[in-house]
Amino acid sequence: MKPATQCVRFGVSTDPWGAVSPPIYQTATFRQPGATEFGDYDYTRTANPTRSLLEQQLANLEGGRYASAFASGMAAITAITRLLNTRDEIIAGDDLYGGTVRLLEQILERQSISVQFADTTDPAAVSKLVTDRTKLVLVETPSNPFLRISDIRQLARIAGDAGALLAVDNSMLSPLLQQPLALGADIVIHSATKFLGGHSDVTAGAVITNDKALHERIAFLQNAEGAGLSPFESWLLLRGLKTLALRVERQNSSAAEVVKFLETLPQVKKVFYPGLENQPGHEIHRNQSEGDGSVISFTTGDEEFSGRVVEAAKLFDIAVSFGSVASTISLPCRMSHASIPAALKDRLAPPPDLVRISVGIEDAGDLIADLEQAFVSASTRVSVAALGNKWC
């Protein structure tokens, strides 16, 4: 089946009543066939039919064999780091979500697992950092918030030669636009809160792999640490996945129009978007993905002006996260990446004037008109400020 069909069709229904919408098995425990034997399900922390259906669907969409659904994207990433032992080492991209950096820098050091942050858009730079202690290479591509592109095939070779795992966070594109497992990655990670859910009403994460032994280790951690996704959230995510293809198509199309508009504005110094031909890594991106996503970042060169633009927008909610049907806008330095530890801010934090927008499914013309009035409003306030009435 084509991806758009896969999103809607979950395979053969096991519901005895033939429900078109999969039921929610909202139960903590299950009756067992006898005093000394287990049935297919015994306790929802371990497994639940609703979550099992979701996990199979997630695996199918990513072109994988196995998936584990977690309570959040961070829970999913944490499970991956649990695969490592004391004195092991991680090579991580230097443009990651702030919460991921916080985990790597402030939590893993307590387990004596070291982390080296690298420009993963440069495979040679990654190769130079590899040691016999390297067990995991962790990247986002496109990255957050600069939309930088890493060559998954090359990184897979580097990690494989070192006996390390390559984990790719695919949250920015979704499996509809990019499938890292087919490019050589060992693990795909999702913050399913983003495009997979798509409605800002569920927090979830996912880990997908083709390796049965690796999946069994991840599933063990999911159960042992109690980080599995609940039945209701699993059902919400299943419902969200049904419209994934439609949402992604609309959002990508609208984002391309918004990018064209932003490039015409004299106040915008630089636009970051994988679909731009002058974006570093554009050709690599074209060779490993089917689309450009709907997250856009840009700088204005003026932190206060950027803040004014964000606050003047009306159709873009000021909110963290991305990938929802509703468009959002934010200053990553102040929100999604504010959790980067102080010692790493100079190196890893985005600049204070960087604005990130996530394009939703609203009419593209309306979104562009809203951004236009936001820039006019911000410029007008700057002009008034120049006369002495700042923030008038």
Foldseek 3Di string as FASTA:
>chain_A
DALLVLLQDLPDDPDPVPDSQDDQPQDQADDAPDDPDGDPTGGVLLHDVLQVSLQCSQQVLLVADTKFKFQALVVLVVLVVVVAAACAEEEEELFAWQVVLCCQPPPCVVRNYYYHYDNQQDLVRVLVPQDLRYAEYEYEALHPPQNDHHQLLSVLVSQVVSNHAYEYEDAQQGSNWFRSVVSRHAKYKYQCCAQLLAANPGHMMMIGGRDPVVNVSSSVCSSVVSGGHRRVSSSSSSVSSSCSVVWFVLLQVLLVVLVVLLVVDPQWPDKRWLCDPPHPCNVSSVVGTRGTGNKMKTFRPDLQLLVQLQVQFDQADDDDHARHLGKHKYQCCPPRNVNNDPVCCVRRGDDSRMMMMHGHNPPSVVRNVRSVVSNVRSVVQVVVVVVPPHPD
